[in-house]
Amino acid sequence: MTTTTNSNVTQLLVDWRNGNQSALNQLMPLVYDELRGLAKRYLRRENASHTLQTNALVNEAYLRLVNQQGVDWQNRAHFFAIAAQVMRHLLVDHARSKQYAKRGGGAQQITLGEGTAIAPEQSVELLALHEALERLAAVDPRKSKIVELRYFGGLTSEETAEVLGVSDITIKREWLKAKAWLFRELSGTGVSLAE
């Protein structure tokens, strides 16, 4: 994205925050492709049979983003940081609903033979990562946010530094520490933070 487009996005975000609804209409075409890319990165980590599709994730995230109240939109990176967080929570909610259904919540009864034909969902891995991030947030909120922005949001270390208001070198150092911490927490669960 060019610097001109970045400044256009930032100005539209400020205008939207100040109550200009037409700014939102102008903003969405500028960010839609990046939102789709973000959704694709999330869904690429999911099982191929995952029931939530890219467009559905983008649309649901869009609805939640436009209903955000009192967000002091700073710039493009901040917008995508919030979008990444919204998408992550949508996927976690989706995974939880799958786990609920898997444990019989409102599900139709099937025979044992039918049940063994169902492939295991990667939603368990997403939930394990989410829970590990929650534990990391309890001990070090900034490292948790860095993982969310870099891993889920696809932001670069420079963009993450901009969102969090710290130096790029701090982000790189804490990113490595956060990955090591999560590796220890997630050993044996099949979740990988490769990047």
N, C-alpha and C. Protein backbone atom coordinates (compact mmCIF):
# COMPACT_ATOMS: atom_id res chain seq x y z
N MET A 1 0.86 -1.17 0.00
CA MET A 1 0.00 0.00 0.00
C MET A 1 0.90 1.23 0.00
N THR A 2 0.59 2.22 -0.83
CA THR A 2 1.42 3.41 -0.94
C THR A 2 1.22 4.35 0.23
N THR A 3 2.18 5.28 0.39
CA THR A 3 2.09 6.26 1.46
C THR A 3 0.85 7.12 1.29
N THR A 4 0.52 7.48 0.05
CA THR A 4 -0.69 8.28 -0.20
C THR A 4 -1.92 7.53 0.27
N THR A 5 -2.01 6.25 -0.07
CA THR A 5 -3.15 5.46 0.35
C THR A 5 -3.17 5.31 1.87
N ASN A 6 -1.99 5.13 2.48
CA ASN A 6 -1.92 5.05 3.95
C ASN A 6 -2.48 6.31 4.58
N SER A 7 -2.09 7.48 4.06
CA SER A 7 -2.57 8.73 4.63
C SER A 7 -4.06 8.91 4.35
N ASN A 8 -4.54 8.44 3.18
CA ASN A 8 -5.97 8.49 2.88
C ASN A 8 -6.75 7.64 3.87
N VAL A 9 -6.24 6.42 4.15
CA VAL A 9 -6.90 5.53 5.10
C VAL A 9 -6.92 6.18 6.48
N THR A 10 -5.80 6.74 6.89
CA THR A 10 -5.73 7.38 8.20
C THR A 10 -6.73 8.53 8.29
N GLN A 11 -6.79 9.36 7.25
CA GLN A 11 -7.72 10.49 7.27
C GLN A 11 -9.17 10.02 7.30
N LEU A 12 -9.49 8.98 6.53
CA LEU A 12 -10.85 8.44 6.53
C LEU A 12 -11.20 7.85 7.89
N LEU A 13 -10.24 7.21 8.54
CA LEU A 13 -10.48 6.66 9.88
C LEU A 13 -10.77 7.79 10.88
N VAL A 14 -10.02 8.87 10.78
CA VAL A 14 -10.25 10.03 11.66
C VAL A 14 -11.62 10.63 11.38
N ASP A 15 -11.95 10.78 10.11
CA ASP A 15 -13.26 11.33 9.74
C ASP A 15 -14.39 10.43 10.24
N TRP A 16 -14.22 9.12 10.09
CA TRP A 16 -15.23 8.16 10.56
C TRP A 16 -15.37 8.26 12.07
N ARG A 17 -14.25 8.31 12.78
CA ARG A 17 -14.28 8.44 14.25
C ARG A 17 -15.04 9.69 14.66
N ASN A 18 -14.91 10.75 13.85
CA ASN A 18 -15.58 12.01 14.15
C ASN A 18 -17.03 12.05 13.69
N GLY A 19 -17.56 10.91 13.23
CA GLY A 19 -18.98 10.82 12.91
C GLY A 19 -19.35 10.92 11.45
N ASN A 20 -18.38 11.01 10.57
CA ASN A 20 -18.66 11.11 9.14
C ASN A 20 -18.88 9.71 8.57
N GLN A 21 -20.15 9.33 8.37
CA GLN A 21 -20.48 7.99 7.87
C GLN A 21 -20.06 7.78 6.42
N SER A 22 -19.99 8.84 5.64
CA SER A 22 -19.54 8.67 4.25
C SER A 22 -18.06 8.28 4.20
N ALA A 23 -17.30 8.64 5.23
CA ALA A 23 -15.90 8.25 5.29
C ALA A 23 -15.79 6.72 5.36
N LEU A 24 -16.71 6.09 6.10
CA LEU A 24 -16.71 4.63 6.18
C LEU A 24 -16.96 4.02 4.80
N ASN A 25 -17.87 4.60 4.04
CA ASN A 25 -18.16 4.10 2.69
C ASN A 25 -16.95 4.24 1.77
N GLN A 26 -16.16 5.28 1.97
CA GLN A 26 -14.95 5.48 1.17
C GLN A 26 -13.81 4.59 1.66
N LEU A 27 -13.81 4.28 2.95
CA LEU A 27 -12.74 3.50 3.56
C LEU A 27 -12.77 2.04 3.13
N MET A 28 -13.93 1.45 3.13
CA MET A 28 -14.03 0.00 2.91
C MET A 28 -13.42 -0.46 1.59
N PRO A 29 -13.65 0.22 0.46
CA PRO A 29 -12.99 -0.25 -0.76
C PRO A 29 -11.46 -0.20 -0.67
N LEU A 30 -10.93 0.73 0.13
CA LEU A 30 -9.48 0.84 0.27
C LEU A 30 -8.88 -0.28 1.12
N VAL A 31 -9.64 -0.82 2.05
CA VAL A 31 -9.10 -1.82 2.97
C VAL A 31 -9.65 -3.23 2.74
N TYR A 32 -10.63 -3.38 1.86
CA TYR A 32 -11.30 -4.67 1.70
C TYR A 32 -10.32 -5.78 1.29
N ASP A 33 -9.46 -5.50 0.30
CA ASP A 33 -8.54 -6.54 -0.15
C ASP A 33 -7.59 -6.97 0.96
N GLU A 34 -7.14 -6.01 1.77
CA GLU A 34 -6.25 -6.36 2.89
C GLU A 34 -7.01 -7.15 3.96
N LEU A 35 -8.28 -6.81 4.18
CA LEU A 35 -9.09 -7.60 5.12
C LEU A 35 -9.25 -9.03 4.62
N ARG A 36 -9.45 -9.19 3.32
CA ARG A 36 -9.55 -10.54 2.73
C ARG A 36 -8.25 -11.29 2.91
N GLY A 37 -7.13 -10.61 2.69
CA GLY A 37 -5.82 -11.24 2.88
C GLY A 37 -5.62 -11.69 4.32
N LEU A 38 -6.04 -10.84 5.24
CA LEU A 38 -5.95 -11.16 6.66
C LEU A 38 -6.81 -12.39 6.98
N ALA A 39 -8.02 -12.41 6.45
CA ALA A 39 -8.92 -13.55 6.67
C ALA A 39 -8.33 -14.82 6.06
N LYS A 40 -7.74 -14.71 4.89
CA LYS A 40 -7.13 -15.88 4.25
C LYS A 40 -5.98 -16.43 5.09
N ARG A 41 -5.16 -15.52 5.67
CA ARG A 41 -4.06 -15.98 6.53
C ARG A 41 -4.60 -16.75 7.74
N TYR A 42 -5.67 -16.25 8.32
CA TYR A 42 -6.29 -16.95 9.45
C TYR A 42 -6.79 -18.32 9.02
N LEU A 43 -7.54 -18.34 7.94
CA LEU A 43 -8.19 -19.57 7.53
C LEU A 43 -7.21 -20.59 6.94
N ARG A 44 -6.07 -20.13 6.45
CA ARG A 44 -5.06 -21.04 5.92
C ARG A 44 -4.56 -21.97 7.03
N ARG A 45 -4.62 -21.51 8.26
CA ARG A 45 -4.17 -22.31 9.40
C ARG A 45 -5.24 -23.30 9.85
N GLU A 46 -6.42 -23.20 9.27
CA GLU A 46 -7.53 -24.07 9.66
C GLU A 46 -7.59 -25.28 8.74
N ASN A 47 -8.34 -26.26 9.16
CA ASN A 47 -8.59 -27.46 8.39
C ASN A 47 -9.29 -27.10 7.08
N ALA A 48 -8.99 -27.84 6.03
CA ALA A 48 -9.61 -27.56 4.72
C ALA A 48 -11.13 -27.68 4.77
N SER A 49 -11.65 -28.47 5.69
CA SER A 49 -13.09 -28.63 5.79
C SER A 49 -13.72 -27.62 6.74
N HIS A 50 -12.96 -26.61 7.12
CA HIS A 50 -13.47 -25.58 8.03
C HIS A 50 -14.72 -24.96 7.41
N THR A 51 -15.74 -24.75 8.21
CA THR A 51 -17.02 -24.31 7.66
C THR A 51 -17.12 -22.80 7.48
N LEU A 52 -16.22 -22.03 8.07
CA LEU A 52 -16.26 -20.58 7.92
C LEU A 52 -15.41 -20.19 6.71
N GLN A 53 -16.00 -19.50 5.77
CA GLN A 53 -15.30 -19.11 4.55
C GLN A 53 -14.74 -17.70 4.66
N THR A 54 -13.80 -17.38 3.77
CA THR A 54 -13.12 -16.08 3.80
C THR A 54 -14.10 -14.92 3.77
N ASN A 55 -15.03 -14.93 2.81
CA ASN A 55 -15.97 -13.81 2.70
C ASN A 55 -16.84 -13.68 3.95
N ALA A 56 -17.24 -14.80 4.51
CA ALA A 56 -18.06 -14.75 5.73
C ALA A 56 -17.27 -14.15 6.88
N LEU A 57 -16.00 -14.52 7.00
CA LEU A 57 -15.16 -13.97 8.06
C LEU A 57 -14.95 -12.46 7.86
N VAL A 58 -14.68 -12.04 6.63
CA VAL A 58 -14.51 -10.61 6.33
C VAL A 58 -15.80 -9.85 6.63
N ASN A 59 -16.92 -10.39 6.18
CA ASN A 59 -18.20 -9.70 6.38
C ASN A 59 -18.56 -9.57 7.86
N GLU A 60 -18.35 -10.65 8.61
CA GLU A 60 -18.65 -10.60 10.05
C GLU A 60 -17.70 -9.63 10.76
N ALA A 61 -16.43 -9.66 10.38
CA ALA A 61 -15.47 -8.72 10.97
C ALA A 61 -15.86 -7.29 10.62
N TYR A 62 -16.27 -7.07 9.37
CA TYR A 62 -16.69 -5.73 8.95
C TYR A 62 -17.85 -5.24 9.82
N LEU A 63 -18.84 -6.10 10.03
CA LEU A 63 -19.99 -5.71 10.85
C LEU A 63 -19.57 -5.34 12.27
N ARG A 64 -18.64 -6.10 12.81
CA ARG A 64 -18.17 -5.79 14.17
C ARG A 64 -17.32 -4.52 14.18
N LEU A 65 -16.53 -4.32 13.15
CA LEU A 65 -15.69 -3.12 13.09
C LEU A 65 -16.52 -1.85 13.00
N VAL A 66 -17.56 -1.87 12.16
CA VAL A 66 -18.37 -0.66 12.01
C VAL A 66 -19.20 -0.37 13.26
N ASN A 67 -19.39 -1.38 14.09
CA ASN A 67 -20.13 -1.17 15.33
C ASN A 67 -19.23 -0.87 16.52
N GLN A 68 -17.93 -0.73 16.27
CA GLN A 68 -17.01 -0.37 17.36
C GLN A 68 -17.36 1.04 17.84
N GLN A 69 -17.54 1.17 19.13
CA GLN A 69 -17.87 2.47 19.71
C GLN A 69 -16.66 3.03 20.45
N GLY A 70 -16.38 4.28 20.25
CA GLY A 70 -15.36 4.97 21.01
C GLY A 70 -13.93 4.57 20.69
N VAL A 71 -13.69 3.96 19.53
CA VAL A 71 -12.32 3.62 19.16
C VAL A 71 -11.65 4.88 18.62
N ASP A 72 -10.51 5.20 19.15
CA ASP A 72 -9.74 6.36 18.69
C ASP A 72 -8.80 5.88 17.59
N TRP A 73 -9.36 5.71 16.39
CA TRP A 73 -8.58 5.18 15.26
C TRP A 73 -7.38 6.08 15.04
N GLN A 74 -6.18 5.49 15.09
CA GLN A 74 -4.95 6.26 14.94
C GLN A 74 -4.45 6.28 13.51
N ASN A 75 -4.44 5.10 12.88
CA ASN A 75 -3.90 4.99 11.52
C ASN A 75 -4.28 3.63 10.94
N ARG A 76 -3.77 3.36 9.75
CA ARG A 76 -4.06 2.11 9.06
C ARG A 76 -3.62 0.90 9.88
N ALA A 77 -2.42 0.93 10.44
CA ALA A 77 -1.91 -0.20 11.22
C ALA A 77 -2.80 -0.47 12.43
N HIS A 78 -3.26 0.57 13.08
CA HIS A 78 -4.15 0.41 14.23
C HIS A 78 -5.47 -0.24 13.79
N PHE A 79 -6.01 0.18 12.66
CA PHE A 79 -7.23 -0.40 12.12
C PHE A 79 -7.06 -1.90 11.89
N PHE A 80 -5.94 -2.29 11.26
CA PHE A 80 -5.73 -3.70 10.98
C PHE A 80 -5.40 -4.50 12.24
N ALA A 81 -4.84 -3.85 13.23
CA ALA A 81 -4.62 -4.51 14.52
C ALA A 81 -5.97 -4.87 15.15
N ILE A 82 -6.90 -3.93 15.12
CA ILE A 82 -8.24 -4.18 15.66
C ILE A 82 -8.95 -5.24 14.81
N ALA A 83 -8.80 -5.15 13.49
CA ALA A 83 -9.42 -6.13 12.59
C ALA A 83 -8.89 -7.53 12.88
N ALA A 84 -7.58 -7.65 13.11
CA ALA A 84 -6.98 -8.95 13.42
C ALA A 84 -7.55 -9.50 14.72
N GLN A 85 -7.69 -8.64 15.69
CA GLN A 85 -8.25 -9.06 16.98
C GLN A 85 -9.69 -9.53 16.81
N VAL A 86 -10.47 -8.78 16.05
CA VAL A 86 -11.87 -9.14 15.80
C VAL A 86 -11.95 -10.50 15.10
N MET A 87 -11.12 -10.71 14.07
CA MET A 87 -11.15 -11.98 13.34
C MET A 87 -10.73 -13.13 14.24
N ARG A 88 -9.72 -12.92 15.05
CA ARG A 88 -9.27 -13.97 15.97
C ARG A 88 -10.42 -14.36 16.89
N HIS A 89 -11.11 -13.38 17.45
CA HIS A 89 -12.21 -13.68 18.36
C HIS A 89 -13.36 -14.37 17.64
N LEU A 90 -13.61 -14.00 16.39
CA LEU A 90 -14.65 -14.68 15.62
C LEU A 90 -14.30 -16.15 15.42
N LEU A 91 -13.03 -16.43 15.09
CA LEU A 91 -12.62 -17.81 14.88
C LEU A 91 -12.64 -18.61 16.19
N VAL A 92 -12.26 -17.98 17.27
CA VAL A 92 -12.32 -18.66 18.57
C VAL A 92 -13.77 -18.96 18.94
N ASP A 93 -14.65 -18.00 18.72
CA ASP A 93 -16.08 -18.24 18.98
C ASP A 93 -16.61 -19.38 18.11
N HIS A 94 -16.18 -19.39 16.85
CA HIS A 94 -16.60 -20.45 15.94
C HIS A 94 -16.07 -21.81 16.42
N ALA A 95 -14.81 -21.84 16.83
CA ALA A 95 -14.21 -23.09 17.32
C ALA A 95 -14.92 -23.56 18.59
N ARG A 96 -15.25 -22.63 19.46
CA ARG A 96 -15.96 -23.00 20.69
C ARG A 96 -17.33 -23.57 20.38
N SER A 97 -18.01 -22.98 19.40
CA SER A 97 -19.33 -23.50 19.06
C SER A 97 -19.21 -24.90 18.46
N LYS A 98 -18.13 -25.16 17.73
CA LYS A 98 -17.89 -26.50 17.19
C LYS A 98 -17.63 -27.49 18.32
N GLN A 99 -16.85 -27.06 19.32
CA GLN A 99 -16.58 -27.92 20.47
C GLN A 99 -17.87 -28.20 21.25
N TYR A 100 -18.71 -27.17 21.37
CA TYR A 100 -20.00 -27.34 22.04
C TYR A 100 -20.84 -28.38 21.30
N ALA A 101 -20.88 -28.23 19.98
CA ALA A 101 -21.66 -29.18 19.17
C ALA A 101 -21.05 -30.57 19.25
N LYS A 102 -19.71 -30.64 19.28
CA LYS A 102 -19.02 -31.93 19.34
C LYS A 102 -19.36 -32.67 20.62
N ARG A 103 -19.59 -31.91 21.68
CA ARG A 103 -19.90 -32.52 22.98
C ARG A 103 -21.40 -32.73 23.17
N GLY A 104 -22.16 -32.59 22.09
CA GLY A 104 -23.56 -32.95 22.16
C GLY A 104 -24.52 -31.79 22.27
N GLY A 105 -24.04 -30.56 22.32
CA GLY A 105 -24.92 -29.42 22.45
C GLY A 105 -25.80 -29.24 21.23
N GLY A 106 -27.03 -29.64 21.31
CA GLY A 106 -27.98 -29.48 20.21
C GLY A 106 -27.70 -30.38 19.02
N ALA A 107 -26.84 -31.36 19.18
CA ALA A 107 -26.45 -32.20 18.05
C ALA A 107 -27.40 -33.38 17.89
N GLN A 108 -27.48 -33.82 16.65
CA GLN A 108 -28.27 -35.02 16.34
C GLN A 108 -27.47 -36.24 16.78
N GLN A 109 -28.14 -37.25 17.33
CA GLN A 109 -27.48 -38.48 17.75
C GLN A 109 -27.00 -39.25 16.53
N ILE A 110 -25.75 -39.77 16.60
CA ILE A 110 -25.23 -40.62 15.52
C ILE A 110 -24.64 -41.87 16.16
N THR A 111 -24.46 -42.89 15.32
CA THR A 111 -23.88 -44.12 15.83
C THR A 111 -22.38 -43.97 15.97
N LEU A 112 -21.75 -44.86 16.71
CA LEU A 112 -20.32 -44.81 16.91
C LEU A 112 -19.59 -44.94 15.58
N GLY A 113 -20.06 -45.78 14.70
CA GLY A 113 -19.44 -45.94 13.38
C GLY A 113 -19.45 -44.66 12.58
N GLU A 114 -20.57 -43.94 12.62
CA GLU A 114 -20.64 -42.66 11.91
C GLU A 114 -19.71 -41.64 12.52
N GLY A 115 -19.60 -41.64 13.83
CA GLY A 115 -18.78 -40.67 14.53
C GLY A 115 -17.31 -40.82 14.25
N THR A 116 -16.85 -42.04 14.01
CA THR A 116 -15.42 -42.24 13.75
C THR A 116 -15.02 -41.80 12.36
N ALA A 117 -15.98 -41.57 11.48
CA ALA A 117 -15.67 -41.13 10.13
C ALA A 117 -15.40 -39.63 10.06
N ILE A 118 -15.68 -38.88 11.13
CA ILE A 118 -15.50 -37.43 11.13
C ILE A 118 -14.04 -37.10 11.41
N ALA A 119 -13.43 -36.30 10.55
CA ALA A 119 -12.03 -35.91 10.74
C ALA A 119 -11.91 -34.96 11.92
N PRO A 120 -10.80 -35.04 12.68
CA PRO A 120 -10.62 -34.13 13.81
C PRO A 120 -10.49 -32.69 13.33
N GLU A 121 -11.10 -31.79 14.04
CA GLU A 121 -11.06 -30.37 13.68
C GLU A 121 -9.81 -29.70 14.22
N GLN A 122 -9.31 -28.72 13.51
CA GLN A 122 -8.18 -27.95 14.01
C GLN A 122 -8.64 -26.89 14.99
N SER A 123 -9.94 -26.85 15.24
CA SER A 123 -10.45 -25.87 16.20
C SER A 123 -9.85 -26.10 17.58
N VAL A 124 -9.49 -27.35 17.89
CA VAL A 124 -8.86 -27.65 19.17
C VAL A 124 -7.52 -26.92 19.25
N GLU A 125 -6.76 -26.90 18.15
CA GLU A 125 -5.48 -26.21 18.13
C GLU A 125 -5.67 -24.71 18.29
N LEU A 126 -6.67 -24.15 17.63
CA LEU A 126 -6.94 -22.73 17.75
C LEU A 126 -7.30 -22.38 19.19
N LEU A 127 -8.12 -23.21 19.80
CA LEU A 127 -8.49 -22.96 21.20
C LEU A 127 -7.29 -23.08 22.12
N ALA A 128 -6.40 -24.04 21.86
CA ALA A 128 -5.19 -24.19 22.67
C ALA A 128 -4.31 -22.95 22.54
N LEU A 129 -4.17 -22.44 21.33
CA LEU A 129 -3.38 -21.23 21.12
C LEU A 129 -4.05 -20.04 21.79
N HIS A 130 -5.35 -19.93 21.66
CA HIS A 130 -6.08 -18.83 22.29
C HIS A 130 -5.89 -18.86 23.81
N GLU A 131 -6.02 -20.03 24.40
CA GLU A 131 -5.85 -20.15 25.85
C GLU A 131 -4.42 -19.84 26.27
N ALA A 132 -3.44 -20.26 25.47
CA ALA A 132 -2.04 -19.94 25.78
C ALA A 132 -1.81 -18.44 25.68
N LEU A 133 -2.42 -17.80 24.69
CA LEU A 133 -2.29 -16.34 24.56
C LEU A 133 -2.94 -15.63 25.74
N GLU A 134 -4.03 -16.16 26.23
CA GLU A 134 -4.67 -15.58 27.41
C GLU A 134 -3.74 -15.67 28.62
N ARG A 135 -3.06 -16.82 28.76
CA ARG A 135 -2.11 -16.97 29.87
C ARG A 135 -0.93 -16.03 29.70
N LEU A 136 -0.44 -15.89 28.46
CA LEU A 136 0.66 -14.97 28.20
C LEU A 136 0.23 -13.53 28.51
N ALA A 137 -0.99 -13.18 28.14
CA ALA A 137 -1.50 -11.83 28.42
C ALA A 137 -1.53 -11.55 29.92
N ALA A 138 -1.78 -12.58 30.71
CA ALA A 138 -1.82 -12.40 32.17
C ALA A 138 -0.44 -12.08 32.73
N VAL A 139 0.62 -12.63 32.12
CA VAL A 139 1.97 -12.37 32.63
C VAL A 139 2.69 -11.27 31.86
N ASP A 140 2.35 -11.09 30.58
CA ASP A 140 3.00 -10.06 29.77
C ASP A 140 2.07 -9.63 28.63
N PRO A 141 1.20 -8.65 28.91
CA PRO A 141 0.21 -8.24 27.91
C PRO A 141 0.82 -7.77 26.59
N ARG A 142 1.97 -7.09 26.64
CA ARG A 142 2.56 -6.60 25.40
C ARG A 142 3.01 -7.75 24.50
N LYS A 143 3.63 -8.77 25.07
CA LYS A 143 4.05 -9.91 24.24
C LYS A 143 2.84 -10.60 23.62
N SER A 144 1.77 -10.71 24.37
CA SER A 144 0.55 -11.31 23.83
C SER A 144 0.02 -10.48 22.66
N LYS A 145 0.03 -9.19 22.80
CA LYS A 145 -0.44 -8.29 21.73
C LYS A 145 0.47 -8.40 20.51
N ILE A 146 1.78 -8.53 20.75
CA ILE A 146 2.72 -8.67 19.63
C ILE A 146 2.41 -9.94 18.84
N VAL A 147 2.15 -11.04 19.54
CA VAL A 147 1.80 -12.29 18.85
C VAL A 147 0.52 -12.11 18.05
N GLU A 148 -0.46 -11.48 18.66
CA GLU A 148 -1.73 -11.26 17.97
C GLU A 148 -1.53 -10.45 16.69
N LEU A 149 -0.76 -9.38 16.79
CA LEU A 149 -0.56 -8.50 15.63
C LEU A 149 0.31 -9.15 14.56
N ARG A 150 1.38 -9.82 14.97
CA ARG A 150 2.30 -10.41 13.99
C ARG A 150 1.74 -11.71 13.41
N TYR A 151 1.33 -12.63 14.27
CA TYR A 151 0.91 -13.95 13.82
C TYR A 151 -0.47 -13.93 13.20
N PHE A 152 -1.41 -13.36 13.91
CA PHE A 152 -2.78 -13.35 13.42
C PHE A 152 -3.03 -12.19 12.46
N GLY A 153 -2.52 -11.02 12.80
CA GLY A 153 -2.78 -9.84 11.99
C GLY A 153 -1.93 -9.71 10.76
N GLY A 154 -0.79 -10.41 10.74
CA GLY A 154 0.10 -10.33 9.59
C GLY A 154 0.84 -9.01 9.49
N LEU A 155 0.86 -8.24 10.58
CA LEU A 155 1.58 -6.97 10.55
C LEU A 155 3.08 -7.23 10.61
N THR A 156 3.84 -6.36 9.99
CA THR A 156 5.29 -6.44 10.05
C THR A 156 5.75 -5.98 11.42
N SER A 157 7.01 -6.18 11.72
CA SER A 157 7.51 -5.71 13.02
C SER A 157 7.45 -4.19 13.08
N GLU A 158 7.67 -3.51 11.94
CA GLU A 158 7.58 -2.05 11.91
C GLU A 158 6.16 -1.58 12.19
N GLU A 159 5.17 -2.21 11.56
CA GLU A 159 3.78 -1.84 11.78
C GLU A 159 3.36 -2.13 13.22
N THR A 160 3.82 -3.26 13.75
CA THR A 160 3.51 -3.61 15.13
C THR A 160 4.11 -2.59 16.09
N ALA A 161 5.35 -2.17 15.81
CA ALA A 161 6.01 -1.15 16.63
C ALA A 161 5.22 0.16 16.60
N GLU A 162 4.71 0.50 15.43
CA GLU A 162 3.91 1.72 15.28
C GLU A 162 2.63 1.64 16.11
N VAL A 163 1.95 0.50 16.04
CA VAL A 163 0.70 0.33 16.78
C VAL A 163 0.94 0.40 18.28
N LEU A 164 2.01 -0.24 18.74
CA LEU A 164 2.27 -0.33 20.18
C LEU A 164 3.11 0.83 20.72
N GLY A 165 3.64 1.65 19.82
CA GLY A 165 4.41 2.81 20.25
C GLY A 165 5.75 2.48 20.87
N VAL A 166 6.40 1.43 20.35
CA VAL A 166 7.74 1.06 20.80
C VAL A 166 8.64 0.92 19.59
N SER A 167 9.92 0.66 19.83
CA SER A 167 10.86 0.54 18.71
C SER A 167 10.71 -0.81 18.01
N ASP A 168 11.16 -0.84 16.78
CA ASP A 168 11.13 -2.06 15.97
C ASP A 168 11.99 -3.14 16.62
N ILE A 169 13.14 -2.77 17.16
CA ILE A 169 14.03 -3.75 17.78
C ILE A 169 13.38 -4.37 19.02
N THR A 170 12.60 -3.58 19.75
CA THR A 170 11.87 -4.11 20.91
C THR A 170 10.87 -5.15 20.46
N ILE A 171 10.17 -4.87 19.37
CA ILE A 171 9.18 -5.83 18.83
C ILE A 171 9.88 -7.11 18.43
N LYS A 172 10.99 -7.00 17.71
CA LYS A 172 11.70 -8.21 17.26
C LYS A 172 12.18 -9.04 18.45
N ARG A 173 12.72 -8.40 19.46
CA ARG A 173 13.22 -9.11 20.65
C ARG A 173 12.06 -9.78 21.39
N GLU A 174 10.98 -9.05 21.61
CA GLU A 174 9.85 -9.60 22.36
C GLU A 174 9.08 -10.65 21.56
N TRP A 175 9.08 -10.53 20.24
CA TRP A 175 8.46 -11.53 19.38
C TRP A 175 9.16 -12.87 19.56
N LEU A 176 10.50 -12.84 19.57
CA LEU A 176 11.26 -14.08 19.78
C LEU A 176 10.99 -14.68 21.15
N LYS A 177 10.96 -13.85 22.17
CA LYS A 177 10.68 -14.34 23.52
C LYS A 177 9.26 -14.90 23.62
N ALA A 178 8.31 -14.21 23.00
CA ALA A 178 6.91 -14.68 23.04
C ALA A 178 6.77 -16.02 22.33
N LYS A 179 7.43 -16.18 21.19
CA LYS A 179 7.36 -17.46 20.48
C LYS A 179 7.96 -18.58 21.32
N ALA A 180 9.07 -18.30 21.99
CA ALA A 180 9.70 -19.32 22.84
C ALA A 180 8.77 -19.69 23.99
N TRP A 181 8.14 -18.69 24.61
CA TRP A 181 7.21 -18.94 25.71
C TRP A 181 6.04 -19.79 25.24
N LEU A 182 5.47 -19.42 24.10
CA LEU A 182 4.33 -20.17 23.57
C LEU A 182 4.74 -21.58 23.14
N PHE A 183 5.95 -21.72 22.61
CA PHE A 183 6.42 -23.05 22.23
C PHE A 183 6.41 -23.98 23.44
N ARG A 184 6.92 -23.48 24.57
CA ARG A 184 6.92 -24.28 25.79
C ARG A 184 5.49 -24.60 26.22
N GLU A 185 4.61 -23.62 26.14
CA GLU A 185 3.22 -23.82 26.57
C GLU A 185 2.47 -24.79 25.67
N LEU A 186 2.79 -24.77 24.39
CA LEU A 186 2.01 -25.53 23.42
C LEU A 186 2.69 -26.84 23.00
N SER A 187 3.83 -27.16 23.56
CA SER A 187 4.51 -28.41 23.21
C SER A 187 3.55 -29.58 23.39
N GLY A 188 3.45 -30.37 22.34
CA GLY A 188 2.56 -31.52 22.41
C GLY A 188 1.15 -31.28 21.92
N THR A 189 0.80 -30.02 21.60
CA THR A 189 -0.57 -29.77 21.13
C THR A 189 -0.67 -29.73 19.62
N GLY A 190 0.48 -29.69 18.93
CA GLY A 190 0.47 -29.64 17.47
C GLY A 190 0.35 -28.24 16.91
N VAL A 191 0.33 -27.21 17.76
CA VAL A 191 0.25 -25.84 17.30
C VAL A 191 1.66 -25.33 17.05
N SER A 192 1.87 -24.65 15.93
CA SER A 192 3.18 -24.11 15.59
C SER A 192 3.07 -22.64 15.27
N LEU A 193 4.05 -21.86 15.74
CA LEU A 193 4.09 -20.43 15.43
C LEU A 193 5.20 -20.14 14.44
N ALA A 194 5.36 -20.98 13.46
CA ALA A 194 6.42 -20.79 12.48
C ALA A 194 6.18 -19.51 11.68
N GLU A 195 7.23 -18.76 11.53
CA GLU A 195 7.18 -17.58 10.66
C GLU A 195 8.57 -17.18 10.31
